[in-house]
Amino acid sequence: MAKKSFEENMAQLEKIVEELEAGNLPLEKALKRFEEGMNLSRACFEKLDETEKKISLLLKQQNGAVQKTPFESEARNGLENDTEKE
């Protein structure tokens, strides 16, 4: 089976959420759709995590050299800063 793109997974996840929120599914089908949604959510998270790891910021140093540094998300930085304060 071919791997779906992030966008395809998100579209399918949104469809599942709409179905579950409508509340018209029998319990067994709702449970199955919930499980599918959790798997899609996990796949999306993994893709985002993988993408975040690939992103790098190029910072120009004062001497004009370019330094490659890993990307840190603002959310992750905020969490790290909060744990350092404790």
C-alpha atoms as a PDB file:
ATOM      1  CA  MET A   1       0.000   0.000   0.000  1.00  0.00           C
ATOM      2  CA  ALA A   2       1.379   3.412  -0.986  1.00  0.00           C
ATOM      3  CA  LYS A   3       2.044   5.868   1.799  1.00  0.00           C
ATOM      4  CA  LYS A   4      -0.417   8.759   1.835  1.00  0.00           C
ATOM      5  CA  SER A   5       0.772  12.337   1.912  1.00  0.00           C
ATOM      6  CA  PHE A   6       0.406  14.487   4.993  1.00  0.00           C
ATOM      7  CA  GLU A   7      -2.395  16.428   3.295  1.00  0.00           C
ATOM      8  CA  GLU A   8      -4.278  13.241   2.384  1.00  0.00           C
ATOM      9  CA  ASN A   9      -3.996  11.984   5.952  1.00  0.00           C
ATOM     10  CA  MET A  10      -5.211  15.312   7.337  1.00  0.00           C
ATOM     11  CA  ALA A  11      -8.197  15.376   4.966  1.00  0.00           C
ATOM     12  CA  GLN A  12      -9.146  11.834   5.990  1.00  0.00           C
ATOM     13  CA  LEU A  13      -8.702  12.718   9.667  1.00  0.00           C
ATOM     14  CA  GLU A  14     -10.967  15.765   9.278  1.00  0.00           C
ATOM     15  CA  LYS A  15     -13.614  13.584   7.630  1.00  0.00           C
ATOM     16  CA  ILE A  16     -13.470  11.104  10.508  1.00  0.00           C
ATOM     17  CA  VAL A  17     -13.760  13.886  13.081  1.00  0.00           C
ATOM     18  CA  GLU A  18     -16.836  15.252  11.299  1.00  0.00           C
ATOM     19  CA  GLU A  19     -18.427  11.789  11.252  1.00  0.00           C
ATOM     20  CA  LEU A  20     -17.747  11.255  14.946  1.00  0.00           C
ATOM     21  CA  GLU A  21     -18.960  14.730  15.915  1.00  0.00           C
ATOM     22  CA  ALA A  22     -22.220  14.150  14.010  1.00  0.00           C
ATOM     23  CA  GLY A  23     -22.948  11.301  16.421  1.00  0.00           C
ATOM     24  CA  ASN A  24     -24.854   9.205  13.864  1.00  0.00           C
ATOM     25  CA  LEU A  25     -22.553   6.180  13.794  1.00  0.00           C
ATOM     26  CA  PRO A  26     -23.326   2.944  15.632  1.00  0.00           C
ATOM     27  CA  LEU A  27     -20.942   2.289  18.522  1.00  0.00           C
ATOM     28  CA  GLU A  28     -18.858  -0.382  16.752  1.00  0.00           C
ATOM     29  CA  LYS A  29     -18.392   1.756  13.643  1.00  0.00           C
ATOM     30  CA  ALA A  30     -17.611   4.839  15.767  1.00  0.00           C
ATOM     31  CA  LEU A  31     -14.945   2.878  17.639  1.00  0.00           C
ATOM     32  CA  LYS A  32     -13.416   1.670  14.371  1.00  0.00           C
ATOM     33  CA  ARG A  33     -13.397   5.212  12.936  1.00  0.00           C
ATOM     34  CA  PHE A  34     -11.863   6.510  16.190  1.00  0.00           C
ATOM     35  CA  GLU A  35      -9.047   3.952  15.897  1.00  0.00           C
ATOM     36  CA  GLU A  36      -8.486   4.958  12.260  1.00  0.00           C
ATOM     37  CA  GLY A  37      -8.382   8.592  13.342  1.00  0.00           C
ATOM     38  CA  MET A  38      -5.828   7.877  16.046  1.00  0.00           C
ATOM     39  CA  ASN A  39      -3.606   6.079  13.509  1.00  0.00           C
ATOM     40  CA  LEU A  40      -3.917   8.990  11.078  1.00  0.00           C
ATOM     41  CA  SER A  41      -3.179  11.458  13.864  1.00  0.00           C
ATOM     42  CA  ARG A  42      -0.058   9.500  14.806  1.00  0.00           C
ATOM     43  CA  ALA A  43       1.086   9.402  11.156  1.00  0.00           C
ATOM     44  CA  CYS A  44       0.574  13.173  10.831  1.00  0.00           C
ATOM     45  CA  PHE A  45       2.454  13.858  14.054  1.00  0.00           C
ATOM     46  CA  GLU A  46       5.355  11.670  12.934  1.00  0.00           C
ATOM     47  CA  LYS A  47       5.534  13.488   9.592  1.00  0.00           C
ATOM     48  CA  LEU A  48       5.515  16.876  11.313  1.00  0.00           C
ATOM     49  CA  ASP A  49       8.186  15.726  13.749  1.00  0.00           C
ATOM     50  CA  GLU A  50      10.318  14.403  10.886  1.00  0.00           C
ATOM     51  CA  THR A  51       9.887  17.659   8.990  1.00  0.00           C
ATOM     52  CA  GLU A  52      10.766  19.769  12.029  1.00  0.00           C
ATOM     53  CA  LYS A  53      13.996  17.821  12.442  1.00  0.00           C
ATOM     54  CA  LYS A  54      14.941  18.589   8.830  1.00  0.00           C
ATOM     55  CA  ILE A  55      14.387  22.320   9.134  1.00  0.00           C
ATOM     56  CA  SER A  56      17.504  24.314   9.804  1.00  0.00           C
ATOM     57  CA  LEU A  57      18.028  27.991  10.315  1.00  0.00           C
ATOM     58  CA  LEU A  58      20.963  29.681   8.679  1.00  0.00           C
ATOM     59  CA  LEU A  59      22.329  32.332  10.933  1.00  0.00           C
ATOM     60  CA  LYS A  60      24.820  34.830   9.655  1.00  0.00           C
ATOM     61  CA  GLN A  61      27.590  35.317  12.173  1.00  0.00           C
ATOM     62  CA  GLN A  62      29.127  38.716  12.809  1.00  0.00           C
ATOM     63  CA  ASN A  63      32.188  37.822  10.710  1.00  0.00           C
ATOM     64  CA  GLY A  64      29.967  37.027   7.715  1.00  0.00           C
ATOM     65  CA  ALA A  65      30.234  33.246   7.948  1.00  0.00           C
ATOM     66  CA  VAL A  66      27.048  31.236   7.765  1.00  0.00           C
ATOM     67  CA  GLN A  67      26.334  28.802  10.573  1.00  0.00           C
ATOM     68  CA  LYS A  68      23.756  26.045  10.273  1.00  0.00           C
ATOM     69  CA  THR A  69      21.831  25.428  13.487  1.00  0.00           C
ATOM     70  CA  PRO A  70      18.965  23.022  14.230  1.00  0.00           C
ATOM     71  CA  PHE A  71      15.467  24.480  14.199  1.00  0.00           C
ATOM     72  CA  GLU A  72      13.773  24.716  17.591  1.00  0.00           C
ATOM     73  CA  SER A  73      10.039  25.364  17.597  1.00  0.00           C
ATOM     74  CA  GLU A  74       8.766  28.177  19.789  1.00  0.00           C
ATOM     75  CA  ALA A  75       6.500  25.728  21.601  1.00  0.00           C
ATOM     76  CA  ARG A  76       9.392  23.400  22.380  1.00  0.00           C
ATOM     77  CA  ASN A  77      11.572  26.328  23.503  1.00  0.00           C
ATOM     78  CA  GLY A  78       8.789  27.527  25.775  1.00  0.00           C
ATOM     79  CA  LEU A  79       8.460  24.118  27.367  1.00  0.00           C
ATOM     80  CA  GLU A  80      12.200  23.833  27.879  1.00  0.00           C
ATOM     81  CA  ASN A  81      12.355  27.300  29.417  1.00  0.00           C
ATOM     82  CA  ASP A  82       9.503  26.432  31.783  1.00  0.00           C
ATOM     83  CA  THR A  83      11.214  23.253  32.986  1.00  0.00           C
ATOM     84  CA  GLU A  84      14.488  25.120  33.536  1.00  0.00           C
ATOM     85  CA  LYS A  85      12.712  27.560  35.881  1.00  0.00           C
ATOM     86  CA  GLU A  86      11.505  24.743  38.173  1.00  0.00           C
END
